[in-house]
Amino acid sequence: MKGLSYQNGVLFLGEEYIGWAQWKHKRPEVSVMPINARSILNIGKHVFKAMPLWYKSISGILVMGLLLPVLIGFFADLSLPGVPFYIFFYFLFGTHFIFPKELRKFHGAEHKVFSYKGMKKRRNIYRMKRAPITNRYCSTNVVVLYFLFIVAGCPLLTIWQPIGTALAIISYTAVPLALVVHRIIQRKNMHWLRKPLLAVSYYVQRHVSCASPDRRHVLTALEAYRALAKQEYPHLLKDKKREHSKEVNHMAIIDVTVVPVGTESTSISSDVAQMQSVLDTHAEKIEYKLTPMGTIIEGDLNDLLMIVKELHEIPFERGAKRVSTNIRVDDRRDKDGRGMTDKLKSVDDKLK
């Protein structure tokens, strides 16, 4: 599985499918598609549309600098100097050092999802945010290798070639060299070479090409990962510890109220709506009901406590400086099947 980030989302590529999540309408929009020309064109369109204007402008200038002299020479029989094609490699690889802020955050989120060793579920999203932001297999490794080859190789080639020719030779040669060396250093016996190269790459990842992601960036990367895993690698989503654990799952009911303190508005409906959206994502393992004074959630106690933590963070993400969360837990272990519906039915039966 390989990851790819862009200005508004994250993609994970498997052998046959692509898991794609983009941030849209304040939540990740997820899709899975086969790897084919149609899918690549569709993704390419969205990625290009999300690119910042400066990137599109420079790309356009470079394309014109390459094609315009050729077209003029073909139709007008004039010889005009053009942009060397290897300049495109400088641009493509060099943009790693000037990623826009949002792309850096999605890139960091992609790495953190990969780095996190626990179960990749929403309930662990805050643990993922603390995972390493570096990735041993990141494309930044190739970028670093490419420019190292140019810096080291060009002075050597100028001994035998004019500087212009030497620069062209090493600029083109460095592309396959960087890709091959990147594969070679992943071998176990190449740790002596891998360690210094990764030290440079990790520095670039921490301080240049990645940035600490917000919850929405990690959530988007997580949903893209899970979408692909469900389709192609379902074993990655199995909780082996839980499968072999003898711990008994206890069903409980929690009444939770989350109130931001000190905000400009007295309304909390936007926060409540966002909380319902979060609960929707856990619908497979919980039951919940919104009331005028709070939300009642039913499920395994371990899951509920993690979900409450997610709900507690929502007002902070929306700008609140202080949040007051009140919870009441009803955890009955002498009987099974005493959920929300059963409790109401029991009272209703006594009223008849």
Protein backbone atom coordinates (compact mmCIF):
# COMPACT_ATOMS: atom_id res chain seq x y z
CA MET A 1 0.00 0.00 0.00
CA LYS A 2 1.31 3.44 -0.97
CA GLY A 3 0.08 6.88 0.03
CA LEU A 4 -0.31 10.10 -1.92
CA SER A 5 -1.41 13.48 -0.56
CA TYR A 6 -2.68 16.58 -2.30
CA GLN A 7 -4.16 19.96 -1.41
CA ASN A 8 -7.57 18.64 -0.33
CA GLY A 9 -7.22 14.97 0.48
CA VAL A 10 -5.30 11.72 0.60
CA LEU A 11 -5.12 8.63 -1.60
CA PHE A 12 -3.88 5.15 -0.76
CA LEU A 13 -2.98 2.88 -3.66
CA GLY A 14 -3.12 -0.90 -3.48
CA GLU A 15 -2.46 -3.48 -6.15
CA GLU A 16 -5.88 -3.19 -7.79
CA TYR A 17 -7.78 -0.35 -6.06
CA ILE A 18 -7.43 3.23 -4.87
CA GLY A 19 -8.85 4.43 -1.56
CA TRP A 20 -9.61 8.13 -1.89
CA ALA A 21 -10.85 10.62 0.70
CA GLN A 22 -11.23 14.35 0.22
CA TRP A 23 -12.41 16.93 2.73
CA LYS A 24 -15.78 18.20 1.54
CA HIS A 25 -18.70 19.83 3.32
CA LYS A 26 -16.90 19.61 6.68
CA ARG A 27 -16.40 15.85 6.49
CA PRO A 28 -14.36 13.35 4.46
CA GLU A 29 -15.96 12.15 1.25
CA VAL A 30 -14.72 8.63 0.63
CA SER A 31 -14.64 6.44 -2.47
CA VAL A 32 -12.91 3.29 -3.71
CA MET A 33 -12.15 2.79 -7.37
CA PRO A 34 -10.20 0.33 -9.51
CA ILE A 35 -6.83 1.39 -10.82
CA ASN A 36 -7.51 2.23 -14.45
CA ALA A 37 -7.20 5.15 -16.85
CA ARG A 38 -10.66 6.50 -16.04
CA SER A 39 -9.97 6.59 -12.30
CA ILE A 40 -6.58 8.22 -12.78
CA LEU A 41 -8.07 10.91 -15.04
CA ASN A 42 -10.85 11.58 -12.54
CA ILE A 43 -8.41 11.90 -9.64
CA GLY A 44 -6.02 13.97 -11.75
CA LYS A 45 -8.81 16.43 -12.52
CA HIS A 46 -9.64 16.91 -8.83
CA VAL A 47 -5.98 17.15 -7.81
CA PHE A 48 -5.24 19.79 -10.48
CA LYS A 49 -8.35 21.76 -9.51
CA ALA A 50 -7.26 21.78 -5.86
CA MET A 51 -3.73 23.00 -6.69
CA PRO A 52 -2.92 26.60 -5.71
CA LEU A 53 -2.88 29.21 -8.46
CA TRP A 54 0.89 29.73 -8.29
CA TYR A 55 1.50 26.05 -9.04
CA LYS A 56 -0.81 26.11 -12.06
CA SER A 57 0.77 29.34 -13.29
CA ILE A 58 4.34 28.07 -13.09
CA SER A 59 3.30 24.79 -14.73
CA GLY A 60 1.69 26.73 -17.56
CA ILE A 61 4.77 28.91 -18.05
CA LEU A 62 7.03 25.87 -18.20
CA VAL A 63 4.78 24.10 -20.72
CA MET A 64 4.72 27.21 -22.90
CA GLY A 65 8.49 27.59 -22.59
CA LEU A 66 8.90 24.02 -23.80
CA LEU A 67 6.27 23.90 -26.55
CA LEU A 68 6.20 27.45 -27.93
CA PRO A 69 9.70 27.44 -29.51
CA VAL A 70 8.92 24.05 -31.09
CA LEU A 71 5.61 25.26 -32.55
CA ILE A 72 7.07 28.54 -33.80
CA GLY A 73 10.00 26.70 -35.36
CA PHE A 74 7.64 24.25 -37.06
CA PHE A 75 5.28 26.85 -38.57
CA ALA A 76 7.58 29.87 -39.03
CA ASP A 77 10.91 28.13 -39.64
CA LEU A 78 12.54 30.11 -36.79
CA SER A 79 14.99 28.82 -34.20
CA LEU A 80 14.19 30.07 -30.71
CA PRO A 81 15.79 29.01 -27.43
CA GLY A 82 13.47 26.90 -25.29
CA VAL A 83 13.31 25.65 -21.73
CA PRO A 84 15.35 22.46 -21.20
CA PHE A 85 13.06 19.57 -20.40
CA TYR A 86 15.00 18.69 -17.23
CA ILE A 87 13.74 21.94 -15.70
CA PHE A 88 10.42 20.08 -15.26
CA PHE A 89 12.20 17.59 -13.00
CA TYR A 90 13.54 20.47 -10.91
CA PHE A 91 10.04 21.86 -10.65
CA LEU A 92 8.31 18.55 -9.87
CA PHE A 93 10.87 17.46 -7.30
CA GLY A 94 11.55 20.95 -5.98
CA THR A 95 7.92 21.62 -5.04
CA HIS A 96 8.45 19.21 -2.12
CA PHE A 97 10.31 22.10 -0.48
CA ILE A 98 7.52 24.63 -1.01
CA PHE A 99 4.36 22.61 -0.36
CA PRO A 100 1.34 24.77 0.57
CA LYS A 101 0.22 24.60 4.20
CA GLU A 102 -2.82 22.37 3.61
CA LEU A 103 -0.85 19.90 1.50
CA ARG A 104 1.84 19.71 4.19
CA LYS A 105 -0.84 18.87 6.77
CA PHE A 106 -2.45 16.18 4.62
CA HIS A 107 1.03 14.81 3.92
CA GLY A 108 1.74 14.70 7.65
CA ALA A 109 -1.62 12.99 8.28
CA GLU A 110 -0.86 10.35 5.66
CA HIS A 111 2.44 9.60 7.40
CA LYS A 112 0.89 9.44 10.85
CA VAL A 113 -1.76 6.95 9.73
CA PHE A 114 1.00 4.78 8.27
CA SER A 115 3.20 5.15 11.35
CA TYR A 116 0.53 4.30 13.91
CA LYS A 117 0.93 0.65 14.92
CA GLY A 118 -2.42 0.16 16.65
CA MET A 119 -5.84 -0.46 15.12
CA LYS A 120 -6.63 2.19 12.53
CA LYS A 121 -10.05 3.19 13.83
CA ARG A 122 -11.62 6.53 14.62
CA ARG A 123 -11.50 5.86 18.32
CA ASN A 124 -7.68 5.91 18.04
CA ILE A 125 -7.46 9.11 16.01
CA TYR A 126 -5.89 11.09 18.85
CA ARG A 127 -3.22 8.44 19.27
CA MET A 128 -2.54 8.68 15.53
CA LYS A 129 -1.97 12.43 15.90
CA ARG A 130 0.91 11.59 18.26
CA ALA A 131 2.45 9.03 15.87
CA PRO A 132 5.74 9.84 14.05
CA ILE A 133 5.35 12.22 11.13
CA THR A 134 8.20 10.59 9.20
CA ASN A 135 7.87 7.73 6.72
CA ARG A 136 10.72 5.51 5.65
CA TYR A 137 9.13 4.96 2.21
CA CYS A 138 8.09 8.57 1.50
CA SER A 139 8.69 10.10 -1.93
CA THR A 140 10.75 12.76 -0.13
CA ASN A 141 13.52 10.13 -0.02
CA VAL A 142 13.60 10.13 -3.84
CA VAL A 143 13.60 13.94 -3.94
CA VAL A 144 16.53 14.15 -1.52
CA LEU A 145 18.46 11.52 -3.50
CA TYR A 146 17.77 13.31 -6.79
CA PHE A 147 19.22 16.64 -5.67
CA LEU A 148 22.13 14.94 -3.87
CA PHE A 149 23.07 13.23 -7.14
CA ILE A 150 22.93 16.57 -8.98
CA VAL A 151 25.01 18.42 -6.38
CA ALA A 152 27.61 15.64 -6.29
CA GLY A 153 27.54 14.58 -9.93
CA CYS A 154 27.55 17.86 -11.84
CA PRO A 155 31.00 19.06 -10.60
CA LEU A 156 32.49 15.66 -11.46
CA LEU A 157 31.04 15.66 -15.00
CA THR A 158 32.33 19.17 -15.72
CA ILE A 159 35.83 17.67 -15.73
CA TRP A 160 34.97 15.96 -19.06
CA GLN A 161 31.99 17.99 -20.34
CA PRO A 162 30.94 21.65 -20.65
CA ILE A 163 28.83 22.70 -17.68
CA GLY A 164 25.60 22.89 -19.73
CA THR A 165 26.05 19.37 -21.05
CA ALA A 166 27.13 18.05 -17.66
CA LEU A 167 24.05 19.57 -16.01
CA ALA A 168 21.74 18.01 -18.59
CA ILE A 169 23.36 14.57 -18.30
CA ILE A 170 23.20 14.41 -14.50
CA SER A 171 19.68 15.95 -14.40
CA TYR A 172 18.28 13.17 -16.56
CA THR A 173 20.43 10.38 -15.13
CA ALA A 174 19.59 11.29 -11.53
CA VAL A 175 15.91 10.36 -12.04
CA PRO A 176 16.38 6.58 -12.54
CA LEU A 177 19.35 6.59 -10.14
CA ALA A 178 17.26 8.09 -7.33
CA LEU A 179 14.45 5.57 -7.90
CA VAL A 180 16.83 2.59 -7.96
CA VAL A 181 18.84 3.68 -4.91
CA HIS A 182 15.62 4.32 -3.01
CA ARG A 183 14.65 0.68 -3.56
CA ILE A 184 18.13 -0.57 -2.70
CA ILE A 185 18.37 1.21 0.66
CA GLN A 186 15.19 -0.51 1.86
CA ARG A 187 17.03 -3.84 2.04
CA LYS A 188 18.01 -5.07 5.49
CA ASN A 189 21.73 -5.24 4.76
CA MET A 190 21.82 -1.63 3.50
CA HIS A 191 21.32 0.01 6.90
CA TRP A 192 24.78 1.61 6.69
CA LEU A 193 23.64 3.64 3.65
CA ARG A 194 19.98 3.96 4.62
CA LYS A 195 20.64 5.59 7.99
CA PRO A 196 22.44 8.78 6.79
CA LEU A 197 20.11 9.23 3.81
CA LEU A 198 17.00 8.85 5.97
CA ALA A 199 18.43 11.32 8.47
CA VAL A 200 18.39 13.98 5.75
CA SER A 201 14.99 12.88 4.44
CA TYR A 202 13.44 12.82 7.93
CA TYR A 203 14.68 16.35 8.57
CA VAL A 204 13.00 17.52 5.36
CA GLN A 205 9.80 15.63 6.26
CA ARG A 206 9.63 17.09 9.78
CA HIS A 207 10.44 20.68 8.89
CA VAL A 208 9.66 21.20 5.20
CA SER A 209 7.35 18.77 3.40
CA CYS A 210 5.05 17.86 6.33
CA ALA A 211 3.23 19.80 9.03
CA SER A 212 1.42 18.72 12.17
CA PRO A 213 -2.11 17.82 10.99
CA ASP A 214 -5.41 18.82 12.55
CA ARG A 215 -8.08 16.25 13.32
CA ARG A 216 -9.76 16.67 9.94
CA HIS A 217 -6.53 15.91 8.09
CA VAL A 218 -5.92 12.73 10.09
CA LEU A 219 -9.59 11.75 9.74
CA THR A 220 -9.42 12.16 5.96
CA ALA A 221 -6.24 10.07 5.71
CA LEU A 222 -7.72 7.43 8.01
CA GLU A 223 -10.90 7.11 5.95
CA ALA A 224 -8.90 6.74 2.72
CA TYR A 225 -6.77 4.03 4.34
CA ARG A 226 -9.77 2.14 5.72
CA ALA A 227 -11.63 2.38 2.42
CA LEU A 228 -8.79 0.66 0.57
CA ALA A 229 -8.16 -1.83 3.37
CA LYS A 230 -11.81 -2.94 3.44
CA GLN A 231 -11.68 -3.59 -0.30
CA GLU A 232 -8.23 -5.12 -0.70
CA TYR A 233 -6.55 -5.73 2.67
CA PRO A 234 -9.30 -6.60 5.20
CA HIS A 235 -6.79 -8.35 7.48
CA LEU A 236 -5.29 -4.94 8.31
CA LEU A 237 -8.53 -3.91 10.02
CA LYS A 238 -8.85 -6.96 12.27
CA ASP A 239 -8.22 -6.35 15.95
CA LYS A 240 -6.17 -9.46 16.73
CA LYS A 241 -5.70 -8.53 20.37
CA ARG A 242 -9.41 -8.15 20.82
CA GLU A 243 -10.15 -11.40 18.99
CA HIS A 244 -7.92 -13.37 21.35
CA SER A 245 -8.77 -11.42 24.49
CA LYS A 246 -10.82 -13.06 27.22
CA GLU A 247 -12.05 -9.67 28.41
CA VAL A 248 -15.83 -9.42 28.57
CA ASN A 249 -17.38 -6.50 26.70
CA HIS A 250 -19.80 -4.60 28.92
CA MET A 251 -22.74 -2.82 27.31
CA ALA A 252 -23.54 0.51 28.91
CA ILE A 253 -25.51 3.70 28.35
CA ILE A 254 -23.98 7.15 28.55
CA ASP A 255 -25.85 10.44 28.74
CA VAL A 256 -23.44 13.11 27.51
CA THR A 257 -23.70 16.90 27.27
CA VAL A 258 -20.86 18.93 25.74
CA VAL A 259 -21.02 22.69 26.25
CA PRO A 260 -18.43 25.22 24.99
CA VAL A 261 -17.74 28.01 27.48
CA GLY A 262 -17.03 31.64 26.68
CA THR A 263 -17.89 31.63 22.98
CA GLU A 264 -19.35 34.65 21.18
CA SER A 265 -22.71 32.96 20.56
CA THR A 266 -25.07 31.33 23.05
CA SER A 267 -26.12 28.80 20.39
CA ILE A 268 -24.47 25.38 20.39
CA SER A 269 -26.51 23.82 17.59
CA SER A 270 -23.53 23.80 15.19
CA ASP A 271 -21.46 21.85 17.71
CA VAL A 272 -24.35 19.46 18.35
CA ALA A 273 -24.78 18.88 14.61
CA GLN A 274 -21.08 18.11 14.26
CA MET A 275 -21.32 15.67 17.18
CA GLN A 276 -24.15 13.83 15.47
CA SER A 277 -21.99 13.53 12.36
CA VAL A 278 -19.21 11.99 14.47
CA LEU A 279 -21.69 9.57 16.04
CA ASP A 280 -22.88 8.60 12.55
CA THR A 281 -19.41 7.30 11.80
CA HIS A 282 -19.66 4.91 14.75
CA ALA A 283 -23.16 3.69 13.86
CA GLU A 284 -21.97 0.11 13.35
CA LYS A 285 -21.15 -0.36 17.04
CA ILE A 286 -23.41 2.06 18.95
CA GLU A 287 -26.99 3.23 19.24
CA TYR A 288 -27.65 6.87 20.02
CA LYS A 289 -30.48 9.31 20.43
CA LEU A 290 -30.44 13.10 20.48
CA THR A 291 -32.56 14.75 23.19
CA PRO A 292 -33.22 18.47 23.87
CA MET A 293 -30.75 18.36 26.78
CA GLY A 294 -28.02 16.02 25.52
CA THR A 295 -27.29 12.79 23.67
CA ILE A 296 -27.77 9.24 24.89
CA ILE A 297 -25.34 6.64 23.53
CA GLU A 298 -25.49 2.88 24.00
CA GLY A 299 -22.68 0.43 23.30
CA ASP A 300 -19.57 -1.22 24.67
CA LEU A 301 -18.20 0.87 27.54
CA ASN A 302 -14.68 0.96 26.09
CA ASP A 303 -16.01 2.32 22.79
CA LEU A 304 -18.29 4.84 24.50
CA LEU A 305 -15.50 6.40 26.55
CA MET A 306 -13.36 6.87 23.43
CA ILE A 307 -16.30 8.39 21.54
CA VAL A 308 -17.00 10.81 24.41
CA LYS A 309 -13.41 12.01 24.07
CA GLU A 310 -14.00 12.68 20.37
CA LEU A 311 -17.16 14.64 21.17
CA HIS A 312 -15.35 16.63 23.86
CA GLU A 313 -12.75 17.81 21.32
CA ILE A 314 -15.25 19.14 18.75
CA PRO A 315 -15.86 22.60 20.34
CA PHE A 316 -12.10 23.08 20.71
CA GLU A 317 -11.65 22.41 17.01
CA ARG A 318 -14.30 25.01 16.27
CA GLY A 319 -12.46 27.68 18.30
CA ALA A 320 -13.69 27.26 21.91
CA LYS A 321 -11.10 27.88 24.62
CA ARG A 322 -12.95 25.98 27.34
CA VAL A 323 -15.39 23.07 27.21
CA SER A 324 -17.56 21.60 29.93
CA THR A 325 -18.56 17.96 29.35
CA ASN A 326 -20.96 16.17 31.67
CA ILE A 327 -21.52 12.43 31.43
CA ARG A 328 -23.69 9.95 33.31
CA VAL A 329 -22.88 6.27 32.93
CA ASP A 330 -25.39 3.46 33.46
CA ASP A 331 -23.36 0.24 33.50
CA ARG A 332 -25.52 -2.71 34.60
CA ARG A 333 -23.85 -6.12 34.72
CA ASP A 334 -26.40 -8.35 36.39
CA LYS A 335 -28.50 -8.66 33.22
CA ASP A 336 -28.05 -8.55 29.47
CA GLY A 337 -30.21 -6.70 26.99
CA ARG A 338 -31.11 -3.73 29.19
CA GLY A 339 -30.60 -1.11 26.57
CA MET A 340 -32.40 2.17 25.89
CA THR A 341 -35.38 0.46 24.27
CA ASP A 342 -35.72 -2.13 27.06
CA LYS A 343 -35.61 0.50 29.79
CA LEU A 344 -38.36 2.55 28.17
CA LYS A 345 -40.45 -0.55 27.52
CA SER A 346 -40.12 -1.63 31.15
CA VAL A 347 -41.48 1.69 32.39
CA ASP A 348 -44.19 1.74 29.73
CA ASP A 349 -45.36 -1.74 30.78
CA LYS A 350 -45.77 -0.57 34.37
CA LEU A 351 -47.88 2.39 33.26
CA LYS A 352 -50.42 0.19 31.51
